[in-house]
Amino acid sequence: KTDFINFISDQEWKSIEPVSSWFGPSSFLMSSMSALFQLSMWIRHCHGYLTENVGIPVWGSYALFALATLFSGLILGLVSEALETDWPV
């Protein structure tokens, strides 16, 4: 507590360089990190629901998530290939 009070009263905070805008809380990088953290918490919640409420074994839950990952990768790959070609709209 006294170190913090001395930090403020002695104005030591003026000698600290501010954080770059790239690493600021509202930057694209930090917003993306926040979204990934929220996604991981949602996946954890879904895993708990599948194993505790539905009664799927842990390996079954992992298999479902692996299949969902493969399927989403397939869809994203198809979409990216479709966007690269000159398809008539």
N, C-alpha and C. Protein backbone atom coordinates (compact mmCIF):
# COMPACT_ATOMS: atom_id res chain seq x y z
N LYS A 1 0.83 -1.19 0.00
CA LYS A 1 0.00 0.00 0.00
C LYS A 1 0.88 1.25 0.00
N THR A 2 1.90 1.26 0.84
CA THR A 2 2.76 2.44 0.92
C THR A 2 3.55 2.65 -0.37
N ASP A 3 3.93 1.54 -1.03
CA ASP A 3 4.64 1.67 -2.32
C ASP A 3 3.74 2.35 -3.35
N PHE A 4 2.47 1.99 -3.36
CA PHE A 4 1.55 2.60 -4.31
C PHE A 4 1.35 4.08 -3.99
N ILE A 5 1.20 4.41 -2.73
CA ILE A 5 1.02 5.81 -2.33
C ILE A 5 2.27 6.62 -2.69
N ASN A 6 3.45 6.05 -2.46
CA ASN A 6 4.69 6.74 -2.83
C ASN A 6 4.81 6.90 -4.35
N PHE A 7 4.36 5.90 -5.08
CA PHE A 7 4.38 5.96 -6.54
C PHE A 7 3.55 7.14 -7.04
N ILE A 8 2.40 7.37 -6.41
CA ILE A 8 1.53 8.48 -6.81
C ILE A 8 2.06 9.82 -6.29
N SER A 9 2.40 9.88 -5.01
CA SER A 9 2.80 11.16 -4.41
C SER A 9 4.15 11.65 -4.95
N ASP A 10 5.07 10.74 -5.27
CA ASP A 10 6.36 11.15 -5.82
C ASP A 10 6.31 11.33 -7.34
N GLN A 11 5.15 11.12 -7.93
CA GLN A 11 4.91 11.26 -9.36
C GLN A 11 5.87 10.40 -10.19
N GLU A 12 6.11 9.19 -9.72
CA GLU A 12 6.94 8.25 -10.47
C GLU A 12 6.22 7.76 -11.73
N TRP A 13 4.92 7.90 -11.76
CA TRP A 13 4.13 7.43 -12.89
C TRP A 13 4.44 8.22 -14.16
N LYS A 14 5.02 9.42 -14.02
CA LYS A 14 5.35 10.22 -15.19
C LYS A 14 6.52 9.64 -15.98
N SER A 15 7.36 8.84 -15.32
CA SER A 15 8.52 8.28 -16.00
C SER A 15 8.20 6.99 -16.77
N ILE A 16 6.97 6.49 -16.66
CA ILE A 16 6.58 5.25 -17.35
C ILE A 16 6.03 5.60 -18.72
N GLU A 17 6.52 4.87 -19.73
CA GLU A 17 6.04 5.10 -21.09
C GLU A 17 4.64 4.51 -21.25
N PRO A 18 3.77 5.20 -21.97
CA PRO A 18 2.42 4.66 -22.17
C PRO A 18 2.44 3.43 -23.07
N VAL A 19 1.41 2.62 -22.94
CA VAL A 19 1.28 1.40 -23.73
C VAL A 19 0.99 1.80 -25.18
N SER A 20 1.60 1.10 -26.11
CA SER A 20 1.36 1.35 -27.53
C SER A 20 -0.11 1.12 -27.85
N SER A 21 -0.62 1.85 -28.81
CA SER A 21 -2.04 1.71 -29.17
C SER A 21 -2.32 0.31 -29.71
N TRP A 22 -1.30 -0.35 -30.25
CA TRP A 22 -1.47 -1.70 -30.76
C TRP A 22 -1.84 -2.68 -29.64
N PHE A 23 -1.35 -2.44 -28.43
CA PHE A 23 -1.63 -3.31 -27.30
C PHE A 23 -2.64 -2.71 -26.34
N GLY A 24 -3.29 -1.63 -26.73
CA GLY A 24 -4.31 -1.01 -25.90
C GLY A 24 -5.54 -1.90 -25.77
N PRO A 25 -6.35 -1.68 -24.75
CA PRO A 25 -7.52 -2.54 -24.51
C PRO A 25 -8.54 -2.52 -25.63
N SER A 26 -8.63 -1.44 -26.40
CA SER A 26 -9.64 -1.36 -27.45
C SER A 26 -9.06 -1.63 -28.83
N SER A 27 -7.82 -2.11 -28.91
CA SER A 27 -7.21 -2.37 -30.22
C SER A 27 -7.79 -3.65 -30.82
N PHE A 28 -7.55 -3.82 -32.11
CA PHE A 28 -8.02 -5.01 -32.81
C PHE A 28 -7.41 -6.28 -32.22
N LEU A 29 -6.12 -6.22 -31.89
CA LEU A 29 -5.41 -7.37 -31.35
C LEU A 29 -6.03 -7.82 -30.02
N MET A 30 -6.26 -6.88 -29.12
CA MET A 30 -6.81 -7.23 -27.82
C MET A 30 -8.29 -7.64 -27.92
N SER A 31 -9.03 -7.04 -28.84
CA SER A 31 -10.42 -7.46 -29.05
C SER A 31 -10.47 -8.88 -29.57
N SER A 32 -9.53 -9.23 -30.45
CA SER A 32 -9.46 -10.60 -30.97
C SER A 32 -9.10 -11.58 -29.86
N MET A 33 -8.17 -11.20 -29.02
CA MET A 33 -7.79 -12.07 -27.90
C MET A 33 -8.98 -12.27 -26.97
N SER A 34 -9.74 -11.24 -26.73
CA SER A 34 -10.93 -11.34 -25.89
C SER A 34 -11.96 -12.27 -26.52
N ALA A 35 -12.14 -12.17 -27.82
CA ALA A 35 -13.09 -13.05 -28.51
C ALA A 35 -12.65 -14.50 -28.43
N LEU A 36 -11.35 -14.76 -28.58
CA LEU A 36 -10.85 -16.13 -28.45
C LEU A 36 -11.05 -16.67 -27.04
N PHE A 37 -10.84 -15.83 -26.04
CA PHE A 37 -11.05 -16.26 -24.65
C PHE A 37 -12.53 -16.57 -24.42
N GLN A 38 -13.42 -15.74 -24.94
CA GLN A 38 -14.85 -16.01 -24.79
C GLN A 38 -15.25 -17.28 -25.51
N LEU A 39 -14.66 -17.54 -26.69
CA LEU A 39 -14.94 -18.78 -27.41
C LEU A 39 -14.47 -19.99 -26.60
N SER A 40 -13.31 -19.89 -25.99
CA SER A 40 -12.82 -21.01 -25.19
C SER A 40 -13.71 -21.27 -23.97
N MET A 41 -14.24 -20.21 -23.38
CA MET A 41 -15.15 -20.40 -22.25
C MET A 41 -16.47 -21.02 -22.71
N TRP A 42 -16.94 -20.66 -23.90
CA TRP A 42 -18.16 -21.25 -24.44
C TRP A 42 -17.94 -22.74 -24.74
N ILE A 43 -16.79 -23.08 -25.30
CA ILE A 43 -16.48 -24.48 -25.57
C ILE A 43 -16.40 -25.27 -24.27
N ARG A 44 -15.80 -24.69 -23.25
CA ARG A 44 -15.73 -25.35 -21.94
C ARG A 44 -17.13 -25.58 -21.38
N HIS A 45 -18.00 -24.59 -21.52
CA HIS A 45 -19.38 -24.72 -21.05
C HIS A 45 -20.09 -25.83 -21.81
N CYS A 46 -19.92 -25.87 -23.13
CA CYS A 46 -20.55 -26.92 -23.94
C CYS A 46 -20.03 -28.30 -23.56
N HIS A 47 -18.74 -28.41 -23.31
CA HIS A 47 -18.15 -29.69 -22.90
C HIS A 47 -18.75 -30.14 -21.57
N GLY A 48 -18.88 -29.22 -20.64
CA GLY A 48 -19.48 -29.56 -19.35
C GLY A 48 -20.93 -29.99 -19.51
N TYR A 49 -21.67 -29.30 -20.36
CA TYR A 49 -23.07 -29.67 -20.60
C TYR A 49 -23.17 -31.05 -21.22
N LEU A 50 -22.33 -31.32 -22.22
CA LEU A 50 -22.38 -32.62 -22.90
C LEU A 50 -22.01 -33.77 -21.97
N THR A 51 -21.03 -33.56 -21.12
CA THR A 51 -20.58 -34.65 -20.26
C THR A 51 -21.45 -34.80 -19.00
N GLU A 52 -21.94 -33.72 -18.44
CA GLU A 52 -22.68 -33.80 -17.18
C GLU A 52 -24.19 -33.96 -17.40
N ASN A 53 -24.78 -33.20 -18.30
CA ASN A 53 -26.23 -33.23 -18.47
C ASN A 53 -26.69 -34.26 -19.50
N VAL A 54 -25.99 -34.34 -20.61
CA VAL A 54 -26.40 -35.25 -21.68
C VAL A 54 -25.89 -36.67 -21.39
N GLY A 55 -24.76 -36.78 -20.72
CA GLY A 55 -24.22 -38.09 -20.37
C GLY A 55 -23.25 -38.66 -21.39
N ILE A 56 -22.76 -37.83 -22.29
CA ILE A 56 -21.77 -38.28 -23.27
C ILE A 56 -20.43 -38.44 -22.56
N PRO A 57 -19.71 -39.52 -22.83
CA PRO A 57 -18.38 -39.66 -22.20
C PRO A 57 -17.43 -38.55 -22.68
N VAL A 58 -16.39 -38.34 -21.92
CA VAL A 58 -15.44 -37.27 -22.23
C VAL A 58 -14.85 -37.46 -23.62
N TRP A 59 -14.46 -38.68 -23.96
CA TRP A 59 -13.88 -38.93 -25.28
C TRP A 59 -14.90 -38.63 -26.38
N GLY A 60 -16.19 -38.85 -26.11
CA GLY A 60 -17.22 -38.55 -27.09
C GLY A 60 -17.36 -37.06 -27.33
N SER A 61 -17.25 -36.30 -26.23
CA SER A 61 -17.30 -34.84 -26.36
C SER A 61 -16.11 -34.33 -27.17
N TYR A 62 -14.92 -34.89 -26.90
CA TYR A 62 -13.74 -34.51 -27.67
C TYR A 62 -13.91 -34.87 -29.14
N ALA A 63 -14.51 -36.03 -29.41
CA ALA A 63 -14.73 -36.45 -30.80
C ALA A 63 -15.70 -35.49 -31.50
N LEU A 64 -16.75 -35.06 -30.80
CA LEU A 64 -17.69 -34.10 -31.39
C LEU A 64 -17.01 -32.78 -31.72
N PHE A 65 -16.17 -32.30 -30.82
CA PHE A 65 -15.45 -31.05 -31.07
C PHE A 65 -14.44 -31.21 -32.20
N ALA A 66 -13.81 -32.38 -32.30
CA ALA A 66 -12.88 -32.63 -33.40
C ALA A 66 -13.62 -32.63 -34.73
N LEU A 67 -14.77 -33.27 -34.77
CA LEU A 67 -15.56 -33.28 -36.00
C LEU A 67 -16.06 -31.88 -36.35
N ALA A 68 -16.47 -31.12 -35.36
CA ALA A 68 -16.92 -29.75 -35.61
C ALA A 68 -15.77 -28.90 -36.15
N THR A 69 -14.57 -29.11 -35.63
CA THR A 69 -13.40 -28.38 -36.11
C THR A 69 -13.09 -28.74 -37.56
N LEU A 70 -13.12 -30.04 -37.87
CA LEU A 70 -12.87 -30.47 -39.24
C LEU A 70 -13.94 -29.94 -40.20
N PHE A 71 -15.20 -29.99 -39.79
CA PHE A 71 -16.28 -29.52 -40.64
C PHE A 71 -16.19 -28.02 -40.88
N SER A 72 -15.90 -27.26 -39.81
CA SER A 72 -15.78 -25.80 -40.00
C SER A 72 -14.59 -25.46 -40.87
N GLY A 73 -13.49 -26.21 -40.77
CA GLY A 73 -12.34 -26.01 -41.65
C GLY A 73 -12.68 -26.31 -43.10
N LEU A 74 -13.49 -27.35 -43.31
CA LEU A 74 -13.93 -27.69 -44.66
C LEU A 74 -14.78 -26.57 -45.25
N ILE A 75 -15.72 -26.07 -44.47
CA ILE A 75 -16.59 -24.99 -44.94
C ILE A 75 -15.78 -23.73 -45.22
N LEU A 76 -14.89 -23.36 -44.31
CA LEU A 76 -14.07 -22.16 -44.53
C LEU A 76 -13.17 -22.32 -45.75
N GLY A 77 -12.63 -23.52 -45.97
CA GLY A 77 -11.81 -23.76 -47.15
C GLY A 77 -12.61 -23.64 -48.43
N LEU A 78 -13.83 -24.18 -48.43
CA LEU A 78 -14.68 -24.07 -49.61
C LEU A 78 -15.07 -22.62 -49.89
N VAL A 79 -15.38 -21.88 -48.83
CA VAL A 79 -15.74 -20.48 -49.00
C VAL A 79 -14.56 -19.68 -49.53
N SER A 80 -13.37 -19.94 -48.99
CA SER A 80 -12.19 -19.18 -49.46
C SER A 80 -11.88 -19.52 -50.91
N GLU A 81 -12.05 -20.76 -51.31
CA GLU A 81 -11.83 -21.13 -52.71
C GLU A 81 -12.88 -20.50 -53.61
N ALA A 82 -14.10 -20.44 -53.13
CA ALA A 82 -15.18 -19.84 -53.92
C ALA A 82 -14.94 -18.35 -54.10
N LEU A 83 -14.38 -17.70 -53.10
CA LEU A 83 -14.11 -16.27 -53.21
C LEU A 83 -12.93 -15.98 -54.12
N GLU A 84 -12.01 -16.93 -54.27
CA GLU A 84 -10.84 -16.74 -55.13
C GLU A 84 -11.19 -16.89 -56.60
N THR A 85 -12.18 -17.69 -56.92
CA THR A 85 -12.53 -17.90 -58.32
C THR A 85 -13.43 -16.77 -58.80
N ASP A 86 -13.57 -16.68 -60.11
CA ASP A 86 -14.41 -15.64 -60.71
C ASP A 86 -15.81 -16.20 -60.97
N TRP A 87 -16.51 -16.49 -59.89
CA TRP A 87 -17.88 -17.00 -60.02
C TRP A 87 -18.80 -15.87 -60.40
N PRO A 88 -19.74 -16.13 -61.30
CA PRO A 88 -20.73 -15.07 -61.58
C PRO A 88 -21.66 -14.92 -60.39
N VAL A 89 -21.92 -13.70 -60.05
CA VAL A 89 -22.75 -13.43 -58.87
C VAL A 89 -24.20 -13.37 -59.27
